[in-house]
């Protein structure tokens, strides 16, 4: 055997050891890839029903939103009616306020006049009483003056 053949034999042995040394992780990697493939198949099989459930849920949500929109439309119609009623109540309140003002004015004028007459009567009666009292006092003073002179 020559040196070249010996080198080729060593090289072949080293290459065989490299293949054996790398073969074990490659076989393990093959098992990992097989498990990953199985997992992907299972995910693929389960994704369809899950997506169907999601589609059904979205359809149910859309139906609920449609019903909510219908309800909100009804509420808006009722609010428009309440707005009209509020305007009518405001108008009625203004009319009642005006009526109260008219009644107050109509009732107050005779009361004011009666109060003024009563005040004038009390004042006149008081003035007359004072005048009578003053006349009595003057007459009394005159009488006393006359009695002193005599």
C-alpha atoms as a PDB file:
ATOM      1  CA  UNK A   1       0.000   0.000   0.000  1.00  0.00           C
ATOM      2  CA  UNK A   2       1.247   3.242  -0.919  1.00  0.00           C
ATOM      3  CA  UNK A   3       1.088   6.509   0.955  1.00  0.00           C
ATOM      4  CA  UNK A   4      -1.750   7.809  -1.236  1.00  0.00           C
ATOM      5  CA  UNK A   5      -3.846   4.747  -0.626  1.00  0.00           C
ATOM      6  CA  UNK A   6      -3.178   4.968   3.080  1.00  0.00           C
ATOM      7  CA  UNK A   7      -4.212   8.607   3.097  1.00  0.00           C
ATOM      8  CA  UNK A   8      -7.374   7.764   1.145  1.00  0.00           C
ATOM      9  CA  UNK A   9      -8.149   4.985   3.630  1.00  0.00           C
ATOM     10  CA  UNK A  10      -7.681   7.336   6.608  1.00  0.00           C
ATOM     11  CA  UNK A  11      -9.743   9.944   4.858  1.00  0.00           C
ATOM     12  CA  UNK A  12     -12.500   7.363   4.173  1.00  0.00           C
ATOM     13  CA  UNK A  13     -12.432   6.239   7.820  1.00  0.00           C
ATOM     14  CA  UNK A  14     -12.620   9.829   9.040  1.00  0.00           C
ATOM     15  CA  UNK A  15     -15.459  10.507   6.635  1.00  0.00           C
ATOM     16  CA  UNK A  16     -17.285   7.387   7.910  1.00  0.00           C
ATOM     17  CA  UNK A  17     -16.866   8.538  11.506  1.00  0.00           C
ATOM     18  CA  UNK A  18     -18.154  11.987  10.525  1.00  0.00           C
ATOM     19  CA  UNK A  19     -21.203  10.430   8.857  1.00  0.00           C
ATOM     20  CA  UNK A  20     -21.881   8.228  11.932  1.00  0.00           C
ATOM     21  CA  UNK A  21     -21.273  11.162  14.278  1.00  0.00           C
ATOM     22  CA  UNK A  22     -23.656  13.452  12.280  1.00  0.00           C
ATOM     23  CA  UNK A  23     -26.134  10.616  11.524  1.00  0.00           C
ATOM     24  CA  UNK A  24     -27.454  10.376  15.097  1.00  0.00           C
ATOM     25  CA  UNK A  25     -28.502  14.086  15.345  1.00  0.00           C
ATOM     26  CA  UNK A  26     -29.879  13.922  11.795  1.00  0.00           C
ATOM     27  CA  UNK A  27     -32.046  10.930  12.765  1.00  0.00           C
ATOM     28  CA  UNK A  28     -33.224  12.775  15.877  1.00  0.00           C
ATOM     29  CA  UNK A  29     -33.916  15.842  13.744  1.00  0.00           C
ATOM     30  CA  UNK A  30     -35.958  13.633  11.405  1.00  0.00           C
ATOM     31  CA  UNK A  31     -38.114  12.520  14.368  1.00  0.00           C
ATOM     32  CA  UNK A  32     -38.545  16.182  15.383  1.00  0.00           C
ATOM     33  CA  UNK A  33     -39.584  17.128  11.843  1.00  0.00           C
ATOM     34  CA  UNK A  34     -42.043  14.206  11.793  1.00  0.00           C
ATOM     35  CA  UNK A  35     -43.605  15.375  15.098  1.00  0.00           C
ATOM     36  CA  UNK A  36     -43.774  18.953  13.811  1.00  0.00           C
ATOM     37  CA  UNK A  37     -45.503  17.687  10.660  1.00  0.00           C
ATOM     38  CA  UNK A  38     -48.053  15.779  12.777  1.00  0.00           C
ATOM     39  CA  UNK A  39     -48.670  18.876  14.897  1.00  0.00           C
ATOM     40  CA  UNK A  40     -49.189  20.993  11.787  1.00  0.00           C
ATOM     41  CA  UNK A  41     -51.657  18.429  10.424  1.00  0.00           C
ATOM     42  CA  UNK A  42     -53.602  18.481  13.701  1.00  0.00           C
ATOM     43  CA  UNK A  43     -53.632  22.290  13.710  1.00  0.00           C
ATOM     44  CA  UNK A  44     -54.822  22.224  10.104  1.00  0.00           C
ATOM     45  CA  UNK A  45     -57.576  19.728  10.972  1.00  0.00           C
ATOM     46  CA  UNK A  46     -58.725  21.736  14.005  1.00  0.00           C
ATOM     47  CA  UNK A  47     -58.451  25.168  12.381  1.00  0.00           C
ATOM     48  CA  UNK A  48     -61.372  24.560  10.026  1.00  0.00           C
ATOM     49  CA  UNK A  49     -63.949  23.895  12.762  1.00  0.00           C
ATOM     50  CA  UNK A  50     -62.517  26.689  14.875  1.00  0.00           C
ATOM     51  CA  UNK A  51     -62.859  29.118  11.962  1.00  0.00           C
ATOM     52  CA  UNK A  52     -66.415  27.871  11.417  1.00  0.00           C
ATOM     53  CA  UNK A  53     -67.159  28.631  15.085  1.00  0.00           C
ATOM     54  CA  UNK A  54     -65.574  32.062  14.723  1.00  0.00           C
ATOM     55  CA  UNK A  55     -67.681  32.734  11.626  1.00  0.00           C
ATOM     56  CA  UNK A  56     -70.798  31.631  13.494  1.00  0.00           C
ATOM     57  CA  UNK A  57     -69.882  33.914  16.424  1.00  0.00           C
ATOM     58  CA  UNK A  58     -69.302  36.850  14.068  1.00  0.00           C
ATOM     59  CA  UNK A  59     -72.651  36.184  12.397  1.00  0.00           C
ATOM     60  CA  UNK A  60     -74.351  36.125  15.812  1.00  0.00           C
ATOM     61  CA  UNK A  61     -72.635  39.382  16.775  1.00  0.00           C
ATOM     62  CA  UNK A  62     -73.739  40.960  13.497  1.00  0.00           C
ATOM     63  CA  UNK A  63     -77.316  39.825  14.161  1.00  0.00           C
ATOM     64  CA  UNK A  64     -77.174  41.282  17.669  1.00  0.00           C
ATOM     65  CA  UNK A  65     -75.777  44.545  16.306  1.00  0.00           C
ATOM     66  CA  UNK A  66     -78.609  44.678  13.763  1.00  0.00           C
ATOM     67  CA  UNK A  67     -81.137  44.203  16.557  1.00  0.00           C
ATOM     68  CA  UNK A  68     -79.384  46.864  18.597  1.00  0.00           C
ATOM     69  CA  UNK A  69     -79.544  49.253  15.642  1.00  0.00           C
ATOM     70  CA  UNK A  70     -83.275  48.571  15.310  1.00  0.00           C
ATOM     71  CA  UNK A  71     -83.720  49.218  19.026  1.00  0.00           C
ATOM     72  CA  UNK A  72     -81.728  52.446  18.821  1.00  0.00           C
ATOM     73  CA  UNK A  73     -83.849  53.588  15.884  1.00  0.00           C
ATOM     74  CA  UNK A  74     -86.963  52.957  17.986  1.00  0.00           C
ATOM     75  CA  UNK A  75     -85.445  54.871  20.898  1.00  0.00           C
ATOM     76  CA  UNK A  76     -84.645  57.786  18.607  1.00  0.00           C
ATOM     77  CA  UNK A  77     -88.256  57.859  17.378  1.00  0.00           C
ATOM     78  CA  UNK A  78     -89.485  57.859  20.980  1.00  0.00           C
ATOM     79  CA  UNK A  79     -87.034  60.628  21.878  1.00  0.00           C
ATOM     80  CA  UNK A  80     -88.360  62.719  18.995  1.00  0.00           C
ATOM     81  CA  UNK A  81     -91.868  62.229  20.391  1.00  0.00           C
ATOM     82  CA  UNK A  82     -90.673  63.174  23.880  1.00  0.00           C
ATOM     83  CA  UNK A  83     -89.075  66.284  22.391  1.00  0.00           C
ATOM     84  CA  UNK A  84     -92.404  67.300  20.833  1.00  0.00           C
ATOM     85  CA  UNK A  85     -94.182  66.633  24.147  1.00  0.00           C
ATOM     86  CA  UNK A  86     -91.568  68.713  25.965  1.00  0.00           C
ATOM     87  CA  UNK A  87     -92.182  71.595  23.585  1.00  0.00           C
ATOM     88  CA  UNK A  88     -95.936  71.340  24.222  1.00  0.00           C
ATOM     89  CA  UNK A  89     -95.383  71.236  27.992  1.00  0.00           C
ATOM     90  CA  UNK A  90     -93.154  74.299  27.709  1.00  0.00           C
ATOM     91  CA  UNK A  91     -95.877  76.114  25.792  1.00  0.00           C
ATOM     92  CA  UNK A  92     -98.519  75.053  28.324  1.00  0.00           C
ATOM     93  CA  UNK A  93     -96.291  76.197  31.192  1.00  0.00           C
ATOM     94  CA  UNK A  94     -95.853  79.591  29.552  1.00  0.00           C
ATOM     95  CA  UNK A  95     -99.641  79.864  29.116  1.00  0.00           C
ATOM     96  CA  UNK A  96    -100.228  78.958  32.777  1.00  0.00           C
ATOM     97  CA  UNK A  97     -97.631  81.513  33.821  1.00  0.00           C
ATOM     98  CA  UNK A  98     -99.371  84.201  31.775  1.00  0.00           C
ATOM     99  CA  UNK A  99    -102.739  83.195  33.263  1.00  0.00           C
ATOM    100  CA  UNK A 100    -101.319  83.393  36.791  1.00  0.00           C
ATOM    101  CA  UNK A 101     -99.972  86.870  36.022  1.00  0.00           C
ATOM    102  CA  UNK A 102    -103.369  88.007  34.726  1.00  0.00           C
ATOM    103  CA  UNK A 103    -105.211  86.575  37.750  1.00  0.00           C
ATOM    104  CA  UNK A 104    -102.660  88.089  40.124  1.00  0.00           C
ATOM    105  CA  UNK A 105    -103.016  91.478  38.467  1.00  0.00           C
ATOM    106  CA  UNK A 106    -106.822  91.263  38.479  1.00  0.00           C
ATOM    107  CA  UNK A 107    -106.933  90.193  42.126  1.00  0.00           C
ATOM    108  CA  UNK A 108    -104.203  92.555  43.279  1.00  0.00           C
ATOM    109  CA  UNK A 109    -105.776  95.772  41.927  1.00  0.00           C
ATOM    110  CA  UNK A 110    -108.931  95.544  44.081  1.00  0.00           C
ATOM    111  CA  UNK A 111    -106.864  94.411  47.058  1.00  0.00           C
ATOM    112  CA  UNK A 112    -104.491  97.331  46.611  1.00  0.00           C
ATOM    113  CA  UNK A 113    -107.422  99.698  46.329  1.00  0.00           C
ATOM    114  CA  UNK A 114    -109.076  98.213  49.412  1.00  0.00           C
ATOM    115  CA  UNK A 115    -105.813  98.449  51.326  1.00  0.00           C
ATOM    116  CA  UNK A 116    -105.393 102.068  50.237  1.00  0.00           C
ATOM    117  CA  UNK A 117    -108.952 102.903  51.321  1.00  0.00           C
ATOM    118  CA  UNK A 118    -108.370 101.150  54.654  1.00  0.00           C
ATOM    119  CA  UNK A 119    -105.106 103.045  55.145  1.00  0.00           C
ATOM    120  CA  UNK A 120    -106.778 106.335  54.242  1.00  0.00           C
ATOM    121  CA  UNK A 121    -109.682 105.594  56.596  1.00  0.00           C
ATOM    122  CA  UNK A 122    -107.322 104.759  59.473  1.00  0.00           C
ATOM    123  CA  UNK A 123    -105.303 107.878  58.788  1.00  0.00           C
ATOM    124  CA  UNK A 124    -108.379 110.071  58.592  1.00  0.00           C
ATOM    125  CA  UNK A 125    -109.832 108.524  61.730  1.00  0.00           C
ATOM    126  CA  UNK A 126    -106.529 108.975  63.535  1.00  0.00           C
ATOM    127  CA  UNK A 127    -106.235 112.579  62.348  1.00  0.00           C
ATOM    128  CA  UNK A 128    -109.817 113.306  63.382  1.00  0.00           C
ATOM    129  CA  UNK A 129    -109.249 111.740  66.795  1.00  0.00           C
ATOM    130  CA  UNK A 130    -106.066 113.771  67.237  1.00  0.00           C
ATOM    131  CA  UNK A 131    -107.907 116.892  66.138  1.00  0.00           C
ATOM    132  CA  UNK A 132    -110.667 116.175  68.637  1.00  0.00           C
ATOM    133  CA  UNK A 133    -108.090 115.544  71.369  1.00  0.00           C
ATOM    134  CA  UNK A 134    -106.232 118.726  70.456  1.00  0.00           C
ATOM    135  CA  UNK A 135    -109.504 120.713  70.490  1.00  0.00           C
ATOM    136  CA  UNK A 136    -110.316 119.320  73.947  1.00  0.00           C
ATOM    137  CA  UNK A 137    -106.833 120.230  75.175  1.00  0.00           C
ATOM    138  CA  UNK A 138    -107.155 123.754  73.712  1.00  0.00           C
ATOM    139  CA  UNK A 139    -110.563 124.207  75.255  1.00  0.00           C
ATOM    140  CA  UNK A 140    -109.218 122.995  78.587  1.00  0.00           C
ATOM    141  CA  UNK A 141    -106.284 125.415  78.357  1.00  0.00           C
ATOM    142  CA  UNK A 142    -108.607 128.307  77.511  1.00  0.00           C
ATOM    143  CA  UNK A 143    -110.856 127.446  80.388  1.00  0.00           C
ATOM    144  CA  UNK A 144    -107.915 127.366  82.789  1.00  0.00           C
ATOM    145  CA  UNK A 145    -106.719 130.727  81.470  1.00  0.00           C
ATOM    146  CA  UNK A 146    -110.131 132.223  82.031  1.00  0.00           C
ATOM    147  CA  UNK A 147    -110.297 130.798  85.520  1.00  0.00           C
ATOM    148  CA  UNK A 148    -106.939 132.336  86.398  1.00  0.00           C
ATOM    149  CA  UNK A 149    -107.990 135.731  85.169  1.00  0.00           C
ATOM    150  CA  UNK A 150    -111.128 135.828  87.116  1.00  0.00           C
END
